[in-house]
Amino acid sequence: MASSKDFLDFVLEQLSALPDIDCRAMMGEYIIYFRGRIIGGIYDNRFLVKPTANAKKIIPNAPMEIPYSGGKPMLMVTDIENRKLLEKLFIAMYPELPDKKQK
């Protein structure tokens, strides 16, 4: 099942206080970038982020979900309405994310 544009727009609105948020459509889903690094995505209308050490500390009770068949488990963000939490989460995760791969 593909994610809806409405859900993507809602998540992006919640992240609007953060600089350099970008997204790309990929096979009916959306990859979310923060300052050029992949931080997570929208999969089947679920907002999932990479399970970094800081992410696990900030959202310790977040369920682990598989984004797509064959994908690695990710943390599901359930409190999407909490903008302060999202801001804190993204800023804390950023140093743990790999740099963009060079072509």
N, C-alpha and C. Protein backbone atom coordinates (compact mmCIF):
# COMPACT_ATOMS: atom_id res chain seq x y z
N MET A 1 0.84 -1.18 0.00
CA MET A 1 0.00 0.00 0.00
C MET A 1 0.89 1.25 0.00
N ALA A 2 0.64 2.14 -0.89
CA ALA A 2 1.41 3.38 -0.97
C ALA A 2 0.94 4.37 0.09
N SER A 3 1.84 5.23 0.48
CA SER A 3 1.51 6.27 1.46
C SER A 3 0.79 7.42 0.77
N SER A 4 -0.06 8.10 1.52
CA SER A 4 -0.82 9.21 0.94
C SER A 4 -0.02 10.51 1.00
N LYS A 5 -0.27 11.34 0.02
CA LYS A 5 0.36 12.66 -0.01
C LYS A 5 -0.10 13.50 1.17
N ASP A 6 -1.35 13.31 1.62
CA ASP A 6 -1.86 14.04 2.78
C ASP A 6 -1.07 13.72 4.03
N PHE A 7 -0.73 12.44 4.24
CA PHE A 7 0.05 12.06 5.42
C PHE A 7 1.46 12.65 5.33
N LEU A 8 2.06 12.59 4.15
CA LEU A 8 3.38 13.20 3.95
C LEU A 8 3.32 14.69 4.27
N ASP A 9 2.33 15.38 3.76
CA ASP A 9 2.20 16.82 4.00
C ASP A 9 2.05 17.12 5.50
N PHE A 10 1.30 16.28 6.20
CA PHE A 10 1.12 16.46 7.64
C PHE A 10 2.46 16.31 8.37
N VAL A 11 3.22 15.27 8.05
CA VAL A 11 4.52 15.06 8.69
C VAL A 11 5.46 16.21 8.37
N LEU A 12 5.51 16.63 7.12
CA LEU A 12 6.39 17.74 6.74
C LEU A 12 6.00 19.03 7.45
N GLU A 13 4.72 19.25 7.65
CA GLU A 13 4.27 20.42 8.41
C GLU A 13 4.77 20.35 9.85
N GLN A 14 4.71 19.17 10.45
CA GLN A 14 5.18 18.99 11.82
C GLN A 14 6.69 19.23 11.92
N LEU A 15 7.41 19.00 10.85
CA LEU A 15 8.87 19.17 10.83
C LEU A 15 9.29 20.55 10.32
N SER A 16 8.35 21.42 10.04
CA SER A 16 8.64 22.68 9.36
C SER A 16 9.54 23.63 10.14
N ALA A 17 9.68 23.47 11.44
CA ALA A 17 10.57 24.33 12.23
C ALA A 17 12.04 23.97 12.04
N LEU A 18 12.29 22.77 11.53
CA LEU A 18 13.67 22.32 11.31
C LEU A 18 14.17 22.81 9.96
N PRO A 19 15.46 23.19 9.89
CA PRO A 19 16.01 23.60 8.60
C PRO A 19 16.37 22.37 7.75
N ASP A 20 16.41 22.58 6.47
CA ASP A 20 16.92 21.56 5.54
C ASP A 20 16.21 20.22 5.59
N ILE A 21 14.89 20.23 5.69
CA ILE A 21 14.10 19.00 5.58
C ILE A 21 13.75 18.84 4.10
N ASP A 22 13.95 17.65 3.59
CA ASP A 22 13.64 17.36 2.20
C ASP A 22 13.04 15.97 2.13
N CYS A 23 12.36 15.68 1.04
CA CYS A 23 11.84 14.32 0.85
C CYS A 23 11.89 13.97 -0.62
N ARG A 24 11.92 12.67 -0.86
CA ARG A 24 11.90 12.16 -2.22
C ARG A 24 10.94 11.00 -2.29
N ALA A 25 10.14 10.97 -3.35
CA ALA A 25 9.23 9.86 -3.58
C ALA A 25 10.03 8.67 -4.09
N MET A 26 9.67 7.49 -3.57
CA MET A 26 10.34 6.28 -4.01
C MET A 26 9.34 5.12 -3.94
N MET A 27 8.89 4.67 -5.09
CA MET A 27 7.98 3.52 -5.21
C MET A 27 6.74 3.66 -4.33
N GLY A 28 6.11 4.81 -4.35
CA GLY A 28 4.89 5.02 -3.59
C GLY A 28 5.10 5.39 -2.14
N GLU A 29 6.34 5.47 -1.71
CA GLU A 29 6.68 5.85 -0.34
C GLU A 29 7.55 7.10 -0.42
N TYR A 30 7.98 7.62 0.74
CA TYR A 30 8.76 8.86 0.76
C TYR A 30 9.95 8.73 1.71
N ILE A 31 11.13 9.08 1.23
CA ILE A 31 12.33 9.11 2.04
C ILE A 31 12.48 10.52 2.58
N ILE A 32 12.75 10.65 3.90
CA ILE A 32 12.90 11.95 4.54
C ILE A 32 14.39 12.20 4.80
N TYR A 33 14.83 13.38 4.40
CA TYR A 33 16.22 13.79 4.60
C TYR A 33 16.27 14.96 5.57
N PHE A 34 17.31 14.96 6.41
CA PHE A 34 17.58 16.09 7.30
C PHE A 34 19.02 16.51 7.06
N ARG A 35 19.19 17.73 6.59
CA ARG A 35 20.52 18.26 6.26
C ARG A 35 21.29 17.33 5.33
N GLY A 36 20.56 16.76 4.37
CA GLY A 36 21.18 15.92 3.35
C GLY A 36 21.38 14.47 3.72
N ARG A 37 21.04 14.09 4.94
CA ARG A 37 21.21 12.70 5.37
C ARG A 37 19.84 12.03 5.54
N ILE A 38 19.76 10.76 5.16
CA ILE A 38 18.51 10.03 5.32
C ILE A 38 18.26 9.77 6.79
N ILE A 39 17.12 10.22 7.27
CA ILE A 39 16.78 10.05 8.68
C ILE A 39 15.65 9.05 8.86
N GLY A 40 14.86 8.85 7.81
CA GLY A 40 13.75 7.91 7.88
C GLY A 40 12.86 8.05 6.68
N GLY A 41 11.58 7.76 6.87
CA GLY A 41 10.66 7.87 5.76
C GLY A 41 9.22 7.62 6.15
N ILE A 42 8.37 7.74 5.15
CA ILE A 42 6.95 7.46 5.29
C ILE A 42 6.70 6.16 4.52
N TYR A 43 6.25 5.15 5.24
CA TYR A 43 5.99 3.83 4.65
C TYR A 43 4.60 3.37 5.09
N ASP A 44 3.72 3.13 4.14
CA ASP A 44 2.34 2.71 4.45
C ASP A 44 1.70 3.63 5.49
N ASN A 45 1.87 4.92 5.29
CA ASN A 45 1.33 5.95 6.20
C ASN A 45 1.81 5.77 7.64
N ARG A 46 3.05 5.32 7.79
CA ARG A 46 3.73 5.26 9.09
C ARG A 46 5.00 6.08 8.97
N PHE A 47 5.30 6.87 9.97
CA PHE A 47 6.51 7.68 10.01
C PHE A 47 7.57 6.89 10.76
N LEU A 48 8.58 6.40 10.04
CA LEU A 48 9.63 5.56 10.62
C LEU A 48 10.96 6.27 10.52
N VAL A 49 11.80 6.11 11.57
CA VAL A 49 13.14 6.69 11.58
C VAL A 49 14.16 5.59 11.85
N LYS A 50 15.40 5.87 11.47
CA LYS A 50 16.47 4.90 11.71
C LYS A 50 16.64 4.69 13.21
N PRO A 51 16.92 3.46 13.62
CA PRO A 51 17.03 3.15 15.05
C PRO A 51 18.43 3.46 15.61
N THR A 52 18.80 4.73 15.63
CA THR A 52 20.10 5.11 16.18
C THR A 52 20.03 5.06 17.71
N ALA A 53 21.19 5.11 18.35
CA ALA A 53 21.25 5.06 19.81
C ALA A 53 20.47 6.23 20.43
N ASN A 54 20.65 7.42 19.89
CA ASN A 54 19.94 8.59 20.43
C ASN A 54 18.44 8.50 20.19
N ALA A 55 18.03 7.98 19.04
CA ALA A 55 16.60 7.82 18.77
C ALA A 55 15.98 6.87 19.79
N LYS A 56 16.67 5.79 20.11
CA LYS A 56 16.16 4.82 21.07
C LYS A 56 16.06 5.42 22.47
N LYS A 57 16.94 6.37 22.79
CA LYS A 57 16.87 7.05 24.09
C LYS A 57 15.69 8.03 24.15
N ILE A 58 15.46 8.72 23.05
CA ILE A 58 14.43 9.76 23.03
C ILE A 58 13.03 9.17 22.91
N ILE A 59 12.90 8.11 22.13
CA ILE A 59 11.58 7.45 22.00
C ILE A 59 11.75 5.96 22.37
N PRO A 60 12.01 5.69 23.65
CA PRO A 60 12.34 4.33 24.09
C PRO A 60 11.22 3.31 23.92
N ASN A 61 9.99 3.75 23.89
CA ASN A 61 8.87 2.81 23.78
C ASN A 61 8.34 2.70 22.35
N ALA A 62 9.06 3.27 21.40
CA ALA A 62 8.61 3.23 20.01
C ALA A 62 8.68 1.80 19.48
N PRO A 63 7.63 1.36 18.82
CA PRO A 63 7.66 0.01 18.25
C PRO A 63 8.61 -0.06 17.07
N MET A 64 9.24 -1.21 16.91
CA MET A 64 10.10 -1.45 15.74
C MET A 64 9.20 -2.00 14.64
N GLU A 65 9.31 -1.42 13.46
CA GLU A 65 8.48 -1.82 12.32
C GLU A 65 9.37 -2.05 11.10
N ILE A 66 8.95 -2.98 10.26
CA ILE A 66 9.63 -3.22 8.99
C ILE A 66 9.00 -2.27 7.96
N PRO A 67 9.82 -1.43 7.31
CA PRO A 67 9.25 -0.44 6.39
C PRO A 67 8.64 -1.07 5.13
N TYR A 68 9.28 -2.13 4.64
CA TYR A 68 8.83 -2.82 3.42
C TYR A 68 9.43 -4.21 3.46
N SER A 69 8.93 -5.08 2.64
CA SER A 69 9.41 -6.47 2.62
C SER A 69 10.92 -6.50 2.36
N GLY A 70 11.65 -7.12 3.26
CA GLY A 70 13.10 -7.21 3.14
C GLY A 70 13.85 -6.04 3.75
N GLY A 71 13.13 -5.05 4.26
CA GLY A 71 13.78 -3.87 4.86
C GLY A 71 14.22 -4.12 6.28
N LYS A 72 15.14 -3.30 6.76
CA LYS A 72 15.62 -3.39 8.14
C LYS A 72 14.62 -2.71 9.07
N PRO A 73 14.45 -3.23 10.29
CA PRO A 73 13.51 -2.62 11.23
C PRO A 73 13.87 -1.17 11.54
N MET A 74 12.83 -0.36 11.70
CA MET A 74 12.98 1.05 12.03
C MET A 74 12.05 1.38 13.19
N LEU A 75 12.29 2.52 13.83
CA LEU A 75 11.44 2.97 14.93
C LEU A 75 10.25 3.74 14.37
N MET A 76 9.05 3.39 14.84
CA MET A 76 7.86 4.11 14.40
C MET A 76 7.60 5.28 15.35
N VAL A 77 7.52 6.47 14.78
CA VAL A 77 7.22 7.67 15.56
C VAL A 77 5.70 7.72 15.72
N THR A 78 5.24 7.60 16.96
CA THR A 78 3.80 7.58 17.22
C THR A 78 3.27 8.94 17.67
N ASP A 79 4.15 9.79 18.21
CA ASP A 79 3.73 11.10 18.71
C ASP A 79 4.09 12.18 17.69
N ILE A 80 3.53 12.06 16.50
CA ILE A 80 3.86 12.97 15.40
C ILE A 80 3.40 14.40 15.69
N GLU A 81 2.40 14.56 16.52
CA GLU A 81 1.89 15.89 16.82
C GLU A 81 2.83 16.70 17.70
N ASN A 82 3.78 16.05 18.35
CA ASN A 82 4.70 16.70 19.28
C ASN A 82 5.91 17.26 18.52
N ARG A 83 5.79 18.51 18.08
CA ARG A 83 6.85 19.13 17.29
C ARG A 83 8.17 19.25 18.04
N LYS A 84 8.10 19.56 19.32
CA LYS A 84 9.33 19.70 20.13
C LYS A 84 10.07 18.36 20.19
N LEU A 85 9.33 17.28 20.34
CA LEU A 85 9.94 15.94 20.37
C LEU A 85 10.60 15.63 19.03
N LEU A 86 9.93 15.94 17.94
CA LEU A 86 10.49 15.67 16.61
C LEU A 86 11.77 16.47 16.39
N GLU A 87 11.75 17.72 16.82
CA GLU A 87 12.93 18.58 16.70
C GLU A 87 14.10 17.98 17.49
N LYS A 88 13.84 17.63 18.73
CA LYS A 88 14.86 17.03 19.59
C LYS A 88 15.38 15.72 18.98
N LEU A 89 14.47 14.91 18.48
CA LEU A 89 14.83 13.62 17.88
C LEU A 89 15.75 13.81 16.68
N PHE A 90 15.37 14.67 15.76
CA PHE A 90 16.16 14.85 14.54
C PHE A 90 17.54 15.44 14.85
N ILE A 91 17.59 16.42 15.73
CA ILE A 91 18.89 17.04 16.08
C ILE A 91 19.80 16.03 16.76
N ALA A 92 19.25 15.20 17.64
CA ALA A 92 20.05 14.18 18.33
C ALA A 92 20.51 13.08 17.39
N MET A 93 19.70 12.73 16.42
CA MET A 93 20.03 11.65 15.49
C MET A 93 21.07 12.06 14.46
N TYR A 94 21.08 13.32 14.08
CA TYR A 94 21.90 13.79 12.95
C TYR A 94 23.36 13.33 13.01
N PRO A 95 24.08 13.50 14.13
CA PRO A 95 25.49 13.10 14.14
C PRO A 95 25.70 11.59 13.96
N GLU A 96 24.68 10.80 14.21
CA GLU A 96 24.80 9.34 14.10
C GLU A 96 24.51 8.82 12.69
N LEU A 97 24.03 9.68 11.83
CA LEU A 97 23.64 9.26 10.48
C LEU A 97 24.83 9.34 9.52
N PRO A 98 24.91 8.37 8.61
CA PRO A 98 26.03 8.42 7.64
C PRO A 98 25.87 9.58 6.67
N ASP A 99 27.00 10.07 6.19
CA ASP A 99 26.98 11.12 5.16
C ASP A 99 26.39 10.56 3.89
N LYS A 100 25.92 11.46 3.04
CA LYS A 100 25.39 11.07 1.74
C LYS A 100 26.47 10.37 0.93
N LYS A 101 26.10 9.26 0.30
CA LYS A 101 27.06 8.51 -0.50
C LYS A 101 27.44 9.32 -1.74
N GLN A 102 28.72 9.33 -2.02
CA GLN A 102 29.22 10.05 -3.19
C GLN A 102 29.11 9.15 -4.42
N LYS A 103 28.73 9.75 -5.54
CA LYS A 103 28.60 8.98 -6.78
C LYS A 103 29.94 8.88 -7.49
